[in-house]
Protein backbone atom coordinates (compact mmCIF):
# COMPACT_ATOMS: atom_id res chain seq x y z
CA UNK A 1 -30.16 -3.63 48.61
CA UNK A 2 -32.98 -5.19 50.72
CA UNK A 3 -34.41 -3.12 53.72
CA UNK A 4 -33.23 -5.57 56.17
CA UNK A 5 -29.73 -4.93 55.07
CA UNK A 6 -30.21 -1.31 54.94
CA UNK A 7 -31.37 -1.23 58.72
CA UNK A 8 -28.20 -3.33 59.49
CA UNK A 9 -25.98 -0.95 57.98
CA UNK A 10 -27.55 2.10 59.50
CA UNK A 11 -27.65 0.46 62.87
CA UNK A 12 -24.02 -0.60 62.28
CA UNK A 13 -23.01 2.78 60.79
CA UNK A 14 -24.49 4.51 64.37
CA UNK A 15 -22.86 1.69 66.35
CA UNK A 16 -19.41 2.28 65.26
CA UNK A 17 -19.65 6.03 65.18
CA UNK A 18 -20.48 6.06 68.96
CA UNK A 19 -17.21 3.91 69.42
CA UNK A 20 -15.09 6.79 67.48
CA UNK A 21 -15.15 5.55 64.33
CA UNK A 22 -15.60 7.39 60.68
CA UNK A 23 -17.30 5.26 58.08
CA UNK A 24 -17.92 4.65 54.38
CA UNK A 25 -20.46 2.25 52.78
CA UNK A 26 -19.66 0.60 49.34
CA UNK A 27 -15.93 1.21 49.52
CA UNK A 28 -13.62 -0.43 46.98
CA UNK A 29 -10.56 -1.98 48.13
CA UNK A 30 -7.35 -1.99 45.82
CA UNK A 31 -8.28 -5.73 44.70
CA UNK A 32 -11.51 -3.92 43.06
CA UNK A 33 -13.69 -5.85 45.79
CA UNK A 34 -16.19 -3.55 47.29
CA UNK A 35 -17.16 -4.11 50.96
CA UNK A 36 -20.21 -3.00 52.65
CA UNK A 37 -18.57 -0.71 55.40
CA UNK A 38 -15.35 0.28 56.05
CA UNK A 39 -14.43 2.30 59.40
CA UNK A 40 -11.34 4.27 60.46
CA UNK A 41 -10.51 5.67 63.93
CA UNK A 42 -7.78 8.32 65.02
CA UNK A 43 -5.44 5.28 65.98
CA UNK A 44 -5.40 4.86 62.05
CA UNK A 45 -7.03 1.29 62.90
CA UNK A 46 -9.30 0.18 59.85
CA UNK A 47 -12.27 -2.04 60.17
CA UNK A 48 -14.16 -3.86 57.62
CA UNK A 49 -17.60 -5.01 58.12
CA UNK A 50 -19.76 -7.17 56.04
CA UNK A 51 -23.72 -7.28 56.71
CA UNK A 52 -25.51 -10.36 56.71
CA UNK A 53 -29.32 -9.91 56.71
CA UNK A 54 -29.84 -14.04 56.11
CA UNK A 55 -28.14 -17.03 57.33
CA UNK A 56 -27.78 -18.13 53.65
CA UNK A 57 -25.85 -14.82 52.62
CA UNK A 58 -23.31 -15.72 55.10
CA UNK A 59 -22.95 -19.70 53.97
CA UNK A 60 -22.67 -18.47 50.08
CA UNK A 61 -20.38 -15.52 50.64
CA UNK A 62 -16.71 -16.79 49.93
CA UNK A 63 -15.37 -13.11 48.72
CA UNK A 64 -15.01 -11.70 52.42
CA UNK A 65 -11.83 -13.84 52.78
CA UNK A 66 -10.32 -11.50 50.29
CA UNK A 67 -11.03 -8.41 52.34
CA UNK A 68 -8.73 -9.52 55.26
CA UNK A 69 -5.48 -8.26 54.01
CA UNK A 70 -6.91 -4.60 53.78
CA UNK A 71 -7.85 -4.09 57.45
CA UNK A 72 -6.99 -4.63 61.28
CA UNK A 73 -10.18 -5.70 62.12
CA UNK A 74 -12.96 -8.12 60.15
CA UNK A 75 -16.41 -8.19 61.37
CA UNK A 76 -19.89 -9.56 60.25
CA UNK A 77 -22.99 -7.75 61.34
CA UNK A 78 -25.87 -9.50 61.90
CA UNK A 79 -29.22 -9.06 63.17
CA UNK A 80 -29.91 -12.56 63.82
CA UNK A 81 -27.02 -15.27 63.47
CA UNK A 82 -26.89 -18.61 64.56
CA UNK A 83 -25.45 -19.55 67.79
CA UNK A 84 -23.46 -22.55 66.29
CA UNK A 85 -21.84 -20.11 63.65
CA UNK A 86 -18.29 -21.44 63.04
CA UNK A 87 -15.96 -18.49 61.73
CA UNK A 88 -12.27 -17.71 61.66
CA UNK A 89 -10.83 -17.08 64.84
CA UNK A 90 -9.52 -13.79 63.91
CA UNK A 91 -13.43 -12.69 62.72
CA UNK A 92 -15.43 -10.59 64.73
CA UNK A 93 -19.28 -10.52 65.31
CA UNK A 94 -21.42 -7.53 65.75
CA UNK A 95 -25.06 -8.17 66.58
CA UNK A 96 -27.53 -5.46 65.59
CA UNK A 97 -31.26 -5.55 66.78
CA UNK A 98 -33.64 -2.94 68.10
CA UNK A 99 -33.08 -3.88 71.83
CA UNK A 100 -29.03 -3.58 71.88
CA UNK A 101 -26.17 -3.55 69.54
CA UNK A 102 -23.20 -4.97 70.76
CA UNK A 103 -19.86 -6.99 70.02
CA UNK A 104 -20.64 -10.82 70.27
CA UNK A 105 -17.31 -11.74 69.31
CA UNK A 106 -14.01 -9.40 69.31
CA UNK A 107 -11.99 -9.66 66.03
CA UNK A 108 -8.40 -10.31 66.51
CA UNK A 109 -5.90 -7.37 65.30
CA UNK A 110 -4.43 -8.07 61.87
CA UNK A 111 -1.36 -5.99 61.62
CA UNK A 112 -0.93 -4.23 58.15
CA UNK A 113 1.95 -2.94 56.56
CA UNK A 114 2.06 0.91 57.25
CA UNK A 115 2.40 1.72 53.09
CA UNK A 116 -0.52 -0.81 52.60
CA UNK A 117 -2.63 1.10 55.67
CA UNK A 118 -1.55 4.56 54.37
CA UNK A 119 -2.72 3.83 50.92
CA UNK A 120 -6.41 2.93 52.20
CA UNK A 121 -6.70 5.67 54.51
CA UNK A 122 -5.75 8.01 51.39
CA UNK A 123 -8.22 6.18 49.21
CA UNK A 124 -10.79 6.33 51.98
CA UNK A 125 -10.53 10.41 52.29
CA UNK A 126 -10.62 10.36 48.42
CA UNK A 127 -13.66 8.28 48.67
CA UNK A 128 -15.06 10.37 51.30
CA UNK A 129 -14.69 13.62 49.52
CA UNK A 130 -16.51 12.25 46.17
CA UNK A 131 -19.37 10.87 48.10
CA UNK A 132 -19.83 14.14 49.99
CA UNK A 133 -19.54 16.25 46.72
CA UNK A 134 -22.29 13.84 45.17
CA UNK A 135 -24.55 14.77 48.29
CA UNK A 136 -24.36 18.37 47.76
CA UNK A 137 -24.22 18.21 43.73
CA UNK A 138 -26.42 15.10 42.85
CA UNK A 139 -25.47 15.79 38.97
CA UNK A 140 -21.72 15.01 39.95
CA UNK A 141 -21.57 11.15 39.36
CA UNK A 142 -18.66 11.51 36.81
CA UNK A 143 -17.08 7.96 36.41
CA UNK A 144 -13.53 9.38 37.37
CA UNK A 145 -15.16 10.21 40.99
CA UNK A 146 -16.26 6.67 41.44
CA UNK A 147 -14.42 4.77 44.55
CA UNK A 148 -12.83 1.83 41.97
CA UNK A 149 -11.26 4.85 39.72
CA UNK A 150 -9.12 6.18 42.41
CA UNK A 151 -6.77 3.02 42.18
CA UNK A 152 -6.20 3.65 38.61
CA UNK A 153 -4.20 6.63 38.94
CA UNK A 154 -1.10 7.22 40.92
CA UNK A 155 -1.24 9.99 43.40
CA UNK A 156 2.19 10.17 44.40
C-alpha cells in the first residue's frame, strides 16, 4: 500500500469513527473479495468504502461493483477526485484531505436481507477479534484466523 492510500485510510477511519462507526480494514466478504474498509454502526448499517489515491485506480477498478450486495451504503474515499466523476447514483463520495474531510455525495440506502446482514455482522465480529488478537500477540498469525477463512466454516 502506498503512503497516499494509507493516509486516506487513516483519515477515513477517523472520519467514520467521529460519525459513530466501528471499522475494519482489509475485510473479506463472503464472495472472497477484500474491501479496503467496512464500517458498522449501532443501527446495524453497513458501509463499505473503497480508497482511491489516484484517478487511474478508479478508472481501472471494476471489482467494486461486486461489493454492493454486502452493504447498505457504498462510498469511494478520495483525496482528490475529478469534478466530472461519473459513478452510479447510489454510490457516495467521501473527500479526504488535510483541510476538511466531508461527504461530497451521499450514498443511497441499499436494502439487504436480514440474514445476509447478520452474517456480515457476525463475521465482522470474528475478524475484529482475530485482528485484535494479532495486535496483542504478533505470533498469532495462523491461517485459520485469516478473515477469508471464517467463510469456510459454518458457525451455526
